[in-house]
Amino acid sequence: MKIQGVLFDKDGTLIDVNATWVPIYRDALKQLFATDDAGAERLMEVAGYDRATGKLKAGSPLAGGTNREIAAIWWPELSGAALDAHLDSLEHRFAQMVRDKLVPLMPLEPILSDLRAMGLKLGVATNDSHLSARAHMAEVGVIEHFEDIIAADTVAVAKPAGNMIRRFAALTGLAPAAIAMVGDNHHDMEEARNGGAGLAIAVLSGNAGREDIAHLADYTIDSVADLPALLRSL
């Protein structure tokens, strides 16, 4: 079936995951735990930060998990309403830090405009929160290109359950098989398979190397800059 829609992961695919999230996590934890850089980085390590490289480990909670999963690591003694309160505080701090910390991987406007000119419907599927994800896309100035911003808190179960593919299909009227899922993490490739997407396209612009993700994808490209040419070639 011809591809008629593209669902993008956000961090590592559209946004520079390390340049954006490492300082955000560090600064948020310094505030929330009243600690210094070293203390914040120790907390980040248990959730998937590699202090030697200064990057998030591929497949770790920080690289691809939901904010709830991350919050449960940092506040393991909490549950229910108490954890919800800390999660809410965490997500609002993330959203407030966007303007100063956000780093797109490349100029996104021309790429998204090119894809829309091809008649494709575009969306974002992220395990970030809806509040944070919308703030990111608005700050970059590309939110108008997307039919929807699908986040971990807007589906019953987050990636890789397949719910984001199914939601995008229902919203756009496209068959799942007409949708390509594009992402930098194994969760994205599994989301494509579990949701019945027509293509799983891996990008190498995040923390996963070719050896980590290419075997899970139908196609592997360096970045979304290569996506219009790939889709035109199919």
C-alpha atoms as a PDB file:
ATOM      1  CA  MET A   1       0.000   0.000   0.000  1.00  0.00           C
ATOM      2  CA  LYS A   2       1.208   3.497  -0.832  1.00  0.00           C
ATOM      3  CA  ILE A   3       2.453   5.513   2.135  1.00  0.00           C
ATOM      4  CA  GLN A   4       0.094   8.418   2.769  1.00  0.00           C
ATOM      5  CA  GLY A   5       1.064   9.445   6.288  1.00  0.00           C
ATOM      6  CA  VAL A   6       4.216   9.787   8.398  1.00  0.00           C
ATOM      7  CA  LEU A   7       4.306   9.566  12.176  1.00  0.00           C
ATOM      8  CA  PHE A   8       7.500  10.944  13.686  1.00  0.00           C
ATOM      9  CA  ASP A   9       9.080  10.163  17.007  1.00  0.00           C
ATOM     10  CA  LYS A  10      10.243  13.445  18.552  1.00  0.00           C
ATOM     11  CA  ASP A  11      13.451  13.160  20.592  1.00  0.00           C
ATOM     12  CA  GLY A  12      16.380  11.878  18.559  1.00  0.00           C
ATOM     13  CA  THR A  13      14.332  12.177  15.368  1.00  0.00           C
ATOM     14  CA  LEU A  14      13.268  15.830  15.218  1.00  0.00           C
ATOM     15  CA  ILE A  15      14.920  17.155  18.377  1.00  0.00           C
ATOM     16  CA  ASP A  16      18.547  16.673  19.431  1.00  0.00           C
ATOM     17  CA  VAL A  17      17.915  14.368  22.380  1.00  0.00           C
ATOM     18  CA  ASN A  18      21.235  14.887  24.161  1.00  0.00           C
ATOM     19  CA  ALA A  19      21.698  18.619  23.600  1.00  0.00           C
ATOM     20  CA  THR A  20      18.105  19.227  24.694  1.00  0.00           C
ATOM     21  CA  TRP A  21      17.349  16.712  27.419  1.00  0.00           C
ATOM     22  CA  VAL A  22      20.642  16.256  29.263  1.00  0.00           C
ATOM     23  CA  PRO A  23      20.674  19.895  30.498  1.00  0.00           C
ATOM     24  CA  ILE A  24      16.910  19.832  31.116  1.00  0.00           C
ATOM     25  CA  TYR A  25      17.134  16.694  33.252  1.00  0.00           C
ATOM     26  CA  ARG A  26      20.166  18.043  35.090  1.00  0.00           C
ATOM     27  CA  ASP A  27      18.619  21.404  35.908  1.00  0.00           C
ATOM     28  CA  ALA A  28      15.220  19.964  36.845  1.00  0.00           C
ATOM     29  CA  LEU A  29      16.787  17.452  39.232  1.00  0.00           C
ATOM     30  CA  LYS A  30      18.985  20.117  40.814  1.00  0.00           C
ATOM     31  CA  GLN A  31      15.842  22.074  41.645  1.00  0.00           C
ATOM     32  CA  LEU A  32      13.653  19.152  42.685  1.00  0.00           C
ATOM     33  CA  PHE A  33      16.269  17.415  44.851  1.00  0.00           C
ATOM     34  CA  ALA A  34      18.151  20.554  45.975  1.00  0.00           C
ATOM     35  CA  THR A  35      21.415  19.069  44.744  1.00  0.00           C
ATOM     36  CA  ASP A  36      24.394  20.050  42.586  1.00  0.00           C
ATOM     37  CA  ASP A  37      25.451  18.927  39.094  1.00  0.00           C
ATOM     38  CA  ALA A  38      27.122  15.768  40.406  1.00  0.00           C
ATOM     39  CA  GLY A  39      24.085  14.804  42.457  1.00  0.00           C
ATOM     40  CA  ALA A  40      21.761  15.381  39.526  1.00  0.00           C
ATOM     41  CA  GLU A  41      23.946  13.291  37.246  1.00  0.00           C
ATOM     42  CA  ARG A  42      23.952  10.417  39.740  1.00  0.00           C
ATOM     43  CA  LEU A  43      20.164  10.436  39.600  1.00  0.00           C
ATOM     44  CA  MET A  44      20.289  10.572  35.806  1.00  0.00           C
ATOM     45  CA  GLU A  45      22.653   7.593  35.706  1.00  0.00           C
ATOM     46  CA  VAL A  46      20.127   5.238  37.298  1.00  0.00           C
ATOM     47  CA  ALA A  47      17.679   6.110  34.509  1.00  0.00           C
ATOM     48  CA  GLY A  48      20.104   5.745  31.600  1.00  0.00           C
ATOM     49  CA  TYR A  49      22.599   8.612  31.486  1.00  0.00           C
ATOM     50  CA  ASP A  50      26.188   7.737  30.541  1.00  0.00           C
ATOM     51  CA  ARG A  51      28.482  10.182  32.347  1.00  0.00           C
ATOM     52  CA  ALA A  52      31.490   9.065  30.301  1.00  0.00           C
ATOM     53  CA  THR A  53      29.924  10.130  27.002  1.00  0.00           C
ATOM     54  CA  GLY A  54      27.530  12.785  28.308  1.00  0.00           C
ATOM     55  CA  LYS A  55      24.718  11.064  26.409  1.00  0.00           C
ATOM     56  CA  LEU A  56      21.619   9.014  27.128  1.00  0.00           C
ATOM     57  CA  LYS A  57      21.994   5.294  26.584  1.00  0.00           C
ATOM     58  CA  ALA A  58      20.071   3.802  23.680  1.00  0.00           C
ATOM     59  CA  GLY A  59      16.917   2.037  24.866  1.00  0.00           C
ATOM     60  CA  SER A  60      17.114   3.512  28.381  1.00  0.00           C
ATOM     61  CA  PRO A  61      14.158   5.109  30.204  1.00  0.00           C
ATOM     62  CA  LEU A  62      15.643   8.579  29.684  1.00  0.00           C
ATOM     63  CA  ALA A  63      16.062   7.932  25.965  1.00  0.00           C
ATOM     64  CA  GLY A  64      12.691   6.370  25.232  1.00  0.00           C
ATOM     65  CA  GLY A  65      10.588   5.865  28.347  1.00  0.00           C
ATOM     66  CA  THR A  66       7.584   7.834  29.532  1.00  0.00           C
ATOM     67  CA  ASN A  67       7.871  10.600  32.106  1.00  0.00           C
ATOM     68  CA  ARG A  68       5.892   8.401  34.512  1.00  0.00           C
ATOM     69  CA  GLU A  69       8.447   5.604  34.142  1.00  0.00           C
ATOM     70  CA  ILE A  70      11.265   8.065  34.756  1.00  0.00           C
ATOM     71  CA  ALA A  71       9.525   9.631  37.759  1.00  0.00           C
ATOM     72  CA  ALA A  72       9.023   6.169  39.292  1.00  0.00           C
ATOM     73  CA  ILE A  73      12.798   5.627  39.107  1.00  0.00           C
ATOM     74  CA  TRP A  74      13.579   8.915  40.829  1.00  0.00           C
ATOM     75  CA  TRP A  75      10.852   8.577  43.480  1.00  0.00           C
ATOM     76  CA  PRO A  76      10.619   4.788  43.972  1.00  0.00           C
ATOM     77  CA  GLU A  77       9.028   5.208  47.400  1.00  0.00           C
ATOM     78  CA  LEU A  78       5.976   6.971  45.944  1.00  0.00           C
ATOM     79  CA  SER A  79       2.869   5.742  44.167  1.00  0.00           C
ATOM     80  CA  GLY A  80      -0.622   6.885  43.341  1.00  0.00           C
ATOM     81  CA  ALA A  81      -1.467  10.540  43.965  1.00  0.00           C
ATOM     82  CA  ALA A  82       1.930  11.282  45.539  1.00  0.00           C
ATOM     83  CA  LEU A  83       3.770  10.101  42.422  1.00  0.00           C
ATOM     84  CA  ASP A  84       1.266  11.956  40.221  1.00  0.00           C
ATOM     85  CA  ALA A  85       2.084  15.202  42.033  1.00  0.00           C
ATOM     86  CA  HIS A  86       5.813  14.769  41.477  1.00  0.00           C
ATOM     87  CA  LEU A  87       5.209  13.804  37.846  1.00  0.00           C
ATOM     88  CA  ASP A  88       3.128  16.933  37.314  1.00  0.00           C
ATOM     89  CA  SER A  89       5.865  19.096  38.825  1.00  0.00           C
ATOM     90  CA  LEU A  90       8.493  17.387  36.667  1.00  0.00           C
ATOM     91  CA  GLU A  91       6.527  17.843  33.439  1.00  0.00           C
ATOM     92  CA  HIS A  92       5.803  21.510  34.103  1.00  0.00           C
ATOM     93  CA  ARG A  93       9.485  22.151  34.753  1.00  0.00           C
ATOM     94  CA  PHE A  94      10.320  20.423  31.469  1.00  0.00           C
ATOM     95  CA  ALA A  95       7.813  22.585  29.591  1.00  0.00           C
ATOM     96  CA  GLN A  96       9.148  25.783  31.180  1.00  0.00           C
ATOM     97  CA  MET A  97      12.732  24.975  30.164  1.00  0.00           C
ATOM     98  CA  VAL A  98      11.932  24.494  26.477  1.00  0.00           C
ATOM     99  CA  ARG A  99      12.741  27.987  25.234  1.00  0.00           C
ATOM    100  CA  ASP A 100      16.268  28.005  26.657  1.00  0.00           C
ATOM    101  CA  LYS A 101      17.176  24.351  26.104  1.00  0.00           C
ATOM    102  CA  LEU A 102      15.465  23.149  22.922  1.00  0.00           C
ATOM    103  CA  VAL A 103      17.805  22.159  20.066  1.00  0.00           C
ATOM    104  CA  PRO A 104      16.279  20.848  16.812  1.00  0.00           C
ATOM    105  CA  LEU A 105      18.455  18.395  14.919  1.00  0.00           C
ATOM    106  CA  MET A 106      18.267  20.482  11.743  1.00  0.00           C
ATOM    107  CA  PRO A 107      16.000  23.068  10.112  1.00  0.00           C
ATOM    108  CA  LEU A 108      12.717  21.144  10.128  1.00  0.00           C
ATOM    109  CA  GLU A 109      10.465  23.537   8.231  1.00  0.00           C
ATOM    110  CA  PRO A 110      11.740  22.753   4.713  1.00  0.00           C
ATOM    111  CA  ILE A 111      11.657  18.998   5.295  1.00  0.00           C
ATOM    112  CA  LEU A 112       8.114  18.985   6.669  1.00  0.00           C
ATOM    113  CA  SER A 113       6.916  21.367   3.963  1.00  0.00           C
ATOM    114  CA  ASP A 114       8.399  19.060   1.322  1.00  0.00           C
ATOM    115  CA  LEU A 115       6.624  16.035   2.792  1.00  0.00           C
ATOM    116  CA  ARG A 116       3.302  17.866   2.960  1.00  0.00           C
ATOM    117  CA  ALA A 117       3.745  18.990  -0.645  1.00  0.00           C
ATOM    118  CA  MET A 118       3.924  15.279  -1.487  1.00  0.00           C
ATOM    119  CA  GLY A 119       0.399  14.959  -0.090  1.00  0.00           C
ATOM    120  CA  LEU A 120       1.439  13.230   3.129  1.00  0.00           C
ATOM    121  CA  LYS A 121      -0.323  13.670   6.456  1.00  0.00           C
ATOM    122  CA  LEU A 122       2.138  14.173   9.303  1.00  0.00           C
ATOM    123  CA  GLY A 123       2.017  13.536  13.030  1.00  0.00           C
ATOM    124  CA  VAL A 124       4.219  13.186  16.095  1.00  0.00           C
ATOM    125  CA  ALA A 125       4.233  10.106  18.338  1.00  0.00           C
ATOM    126  CA  THR A 126       6.271  10.556  21.508  1.00  0.00           C
ATOM    127  CA  ASN A 127       6.590   9.039  24.957  1.00  0.00           C
ATOM    128  CA  ASP A 128       7.042  12.587  26.247  1.00  0.00           C
ATOM    129  CA  SER A 129       3.964  14.303  27.726  1.00  0.00           C
ATOM    130  CA  HIS A 130       1.492  16.158  25.504  1.00  0.00           C
ATOM    131  CA  LEU A 131       2.250  19.424  27.308  1.00  0.00           C
ATOM    132  CA  SER A 132       5.971  19.131  26.684  1.00  0.00           C
ATOM    133  CA  ALA A 133       5.682  17.800  23.130  1.00  0.00           C
ATOM    134  CA  ARG A 134       3.336  20.564  21.983  1.00  0.00           C
ATOM    135  CA  ALA A 135       5.620  23.158  23.570  1.00  0.00           C
ATOM    136  CA  HIS A 136       8.599  21.717  21.689  1.00  0.00           C
ATOM    137  CA  MET A 137       6.910  21.695  18.294  1.00  0.00           C
ATOM    138  CA  ALA A 138       5.462  25.171  18.834  1.00  0.00           C
ATOM    139  CA  GLU A 139       8.827  26.575  19.888  1.00  0.00           C
ATOM    140  CA  VAL A 140      10.498  25.131  16.779  1.00  0.00           C
ATOM    141  CA  GLY A 141       7.733  26.724  14.703  1.00  0.00           C
ATOM    142  CA  VAL A 142       6.465  23.583  12.947  1.00  0.00           C
ATOM    143  CA  ILE A 143       3.374  22.593  14.924  1.00  0.00           C
ATOM    144  CA  GLU A 144       1.044  23.612  12.103  1.00  0.00           C
ATOM    145  CA  HIS A 145       2.436  20.813   9.920  1.00  0.00           C
ATOM    146  CA  PHE A 146       1.043  18.079  12.177  1.00  0.00           C
ATOM    147  CA  GLU A 147      -2.416  16.554  12.238  1.00  0.00           C
ATOM    148  CA  ASP A 148      -1.864  15.607  15.870  1.00  0.00           C
ATOM    149  CA  ILE A 149       0.745  15.444  18.611  1.00  0.00           C
ATOM    150  CA  ILE A 150       0.249  12.019  20.162  1.00  0.00           C
ATOM    151  CA  ALA A 151       1.908  11.630  23.554  1.00  0.00           C
ATOM    152  CA  ALA A 152       2.207   9.038  26.303  1.00  0.00           C
ATOM    153  CA  ASP A 153      -0.632  10.651  28.229  1.00  0.00           C
ATOM    154  CA  THR A 154      -3.020  10.781  25.251  1.00  0.00           C
ATOM    155  CA  VAL A 155      -3.219   7.009  24.650  1.00  0.00           C
ATOM    156  CA  ALA A 156      -4.160   4.137  26.932  1.00  0.00           C
ATOM    157  CA  VAL A 157      -0.686   2.577  26.698  1.00  0.00           C
ATOM    158  CA  ALA A 158       2.394   4.364  25.346  1.00  0.00           C
ATOM    159  CA  LYS A 159       4.942   3.121  22.807  1.00  0.00           C
ATOM    160  CA  PRO A 160       5.509   0.388  21.802  1.00  0.00           C
ATOM    161  CA  ALA A 161       1.939  -0.869  22.241  1.00  0.00           C
ATOM    162  CA  GLY A 162       0.846   0.288  18.769  1.00  0.00           C
ATOM    163  CA  ASN A 163      -1.803   2.665  20.111  1.00  0.00           C
ATOM    164  CA  MET A 164      -0.177   5.750  18.609  1.00  0.00           C
ATOM    165  CA  ILE A 165      -0.276   4.245  15.116  1.00  0.00           C
ATOM    166  CA  ARG A 166      -3.919   3.298  15.608  1.00  0.00           C
ATOM    167  CA  ARG A 167      -4.842   6.746  16.939  1.00  0.00           C
ATOM    168  CA  PHE A 168      -3.185   8.483  13.993  1.00  0.00           C
ATOM    169  CA  ALA A 169      -4.954   6.130  11.584  1.00  0.00           C
ATOM    170  CA  ALA A 170      -8.327   6.851  13.187  1.00  0.00           C
ATOM    171  CA  LEU A 171      -7.709  10.601  13.194  1.00  0.00           C
ATOM    172  CA  THR A 172      -6.600  10.825   9.570  1.00  0.00           C
ATOM    173  CA  GLY A 173      -8.802   8.132   8.094  1.00  0.00           C
ATOM    174  CA  LEU A 174      -5.726   6.321   6.800  1.00  0.00           C
ATOM    175  CA  ALA A 175      -5.193   2.594   7.060  1.00  0.00           C
ATOM    176  CA  PRO A 176      -2.316   1.740   9.428  1.00  0.00           C
ATOM    177  CA  ALA A 177      -0.597   0.101   6.459  1.00  0.00           C
ATOM    178  CA  ALA A 178      -0.511   3.519   4.752  1.00  0.00           C
ATOM    179  CA  ILE A 179       1.493   5.028   7.630  1.00  0.00           C
ATOM    180  CA  ALA A 180       5.283   5.107   8.023  1.00  0.00           C
ATOM    181  CA  MET A 181       6.669   5.299  11.572  1.00  0.00           C
ATOM    182  CA  VAL A 182       9.994   7.153  11.750  1.00  0.00           C
ATOM    183  CA  GLY A 183      12.160   7.014  14.872  1.00  0.00           C
ATOM    184  CA  ASP A 184      15.557   6.534  16.444  1.00  0.00           C
ATOM    185  CA  ASN A 185      14.670   3.978  19.126  1.00  0.00           C
ATOM    186  CA  HIS A 186      13.700   0.309  19.176  1.00  0.00           C
ATOM    187  CA  HIS A 187      10.402   1.369  20.788  1.00  0.00           C
ATOM    188  CA  ASP A 188       9.567   3.242  17.581  1.00  0.00           C
ATOM    189  CA  MET A 189      10.184   0.223  15.389  1.00  0.00           C
ATOM    190  CA  GLU A 190       8.136  -1.964  17.728  1.00  0.00           C
ATOM    191  CA  GLU A 191       5.355   0.654  17.723  1.00  0.00           C
ATOM    192  CA  ALA A 192       5.251   0.378  13.937  1.00  0.00           C
ATOM    193  CA  ARG A 193       4.973  -3.422  14.036  1.00  0.00           C
ATOM    194  CA  ASN A 194       2.463  -3.542  16.870  1.00  0.00           C
ATOM    195  CA  GLY A 195       0.292  -0.888  15.263  1.00  0.00           C
ATOM    196  CA  GLY A 196       0.331  -2.448  11.801  1.00  0.00           C
ATOM    197  CA  ALA A 197       2.210   0.424  10.152  1.00  0.00           C
ATOM    198  CA  GLY A 198       3.244  -0.030   6.552  1.00  0.00           C
ATOM    199  CA  LEU A 199       6.858   0.948   7.149  1.00  0.00           C
ATOM    200  CA  ALA A 200       9.256   1.201  10.071  1.00  0.00           C
ATOM    201  CA  ILE A 201      11.997   3.703   9.202  1.00  0.00           C
ATOM    202  CA  ALA A 202      14.968   4.088  11.546  1.00  0.00           C
ATOM    203  CA  VAL A 203      17.055   7.242  11.777  1.00  0.00           C
ATOM    204  CA  LEU A 204      20.584   7.315  13.164  1.00  0.00           C
ATOM    205  CA  SER A 205      20.312  10.836  14.579  1.00  0.00           C
ATOM    206  CA  GLY A 206      19.586   9.703  18.142  1.00  0.00           C
ATOM    207  CA  ASN A 207      21.524   7.445  20.506  1.00  0.00           C
ATOM    208  CA  ALA A 208      20.972   4.128  18.716  1.00  0.00           C
ATOM    209  CA  GLY A 209      23.666   3.000  16.310  1.00  0.00           C
ATOM    210  CA  ARG A 210      23.005   1.097  13.117  1.00  0.00           C
ATOM    211  CA  GLU A 211      23.783  -2.150  14.924  1.00  0.00           C
ATOM    212  CA  ASP A 212      21.122  -1.355  17.542  1.00  0.00           C
ATOM    213  CA  ILE A 213      18.192  -0.604  15.273  1.00  0.00           C
ATOM    214  CA  ALA A 214      18.672  -1.380  11.578  1.00  0.00           C
ATOM    215  CA  HIS A 215      17.633  -5.021  11.964  1.00  0.00           C
ATOM    216  CA  LEU A 216      14.258  -3.858  13.349  1.00  0.00           C
ATOM    217  CA  ALA A 217      13.544  -1.438  10.490  1.00  0.00           C
ATOM    218  CA  ASP A 218      12.459  -1.713   6.868  1.00  0.00           C
ATOM    219  CA  TYR A 219      14.781   1.159   5.982  1.00  0.00           C
ATOM    220  CA  THR A 220      17.542   2.964   7.868  1.00  0.00           C
ATOM    221  CA  ILE A 221      18.553   6.532   7.026  1.00  0.00           C
ATOM    222  CA  ASP A 222      20.943   8.996   8.613  1.00  0.00           C
ATOM    223  CA  SER A 223      18.259  11.537   9.515  1.00  0.00           C
ATOM    224  CA  VAL A 224      14.836  12.842   8.525  1.00  0.00           C
ATOM    225  CA  ALA A 225      16.613  15.037   5.969  1.00  0.00           C
ATOM    226  CA  ASP A 226      16.841  11.854   3.871  1.00  0.00           C
ATOM    227  CA  LEU A 227      13.158  10.960   4.267  1.00  0.00           C
ATOM    228  CA  PRO A 228      11.601  12.821   1.298  1.00  0.00           C
ATOM    229  CA  ALA A 229      14.032  11.198  -1.132  1.00  0.00           C
ATOM    230  CA  LEU A 230      13.430   7.757   0.390  1.00  0.00           C
ATOM    231  CA  LEU A 231       9.646   8.043   0.143  1.00  0.00           C
ATOM    232  CA  ARG A 232       9.843   9.331  -3.428  1.00  0.00           C
ATOM    233  CA  SER A 233      11.946   6.295  -4.363  1.00  0.00           C
ATOM    234  CA  LEU A 234       9.412   3.747  -3.139  1.00  0.00           C
END
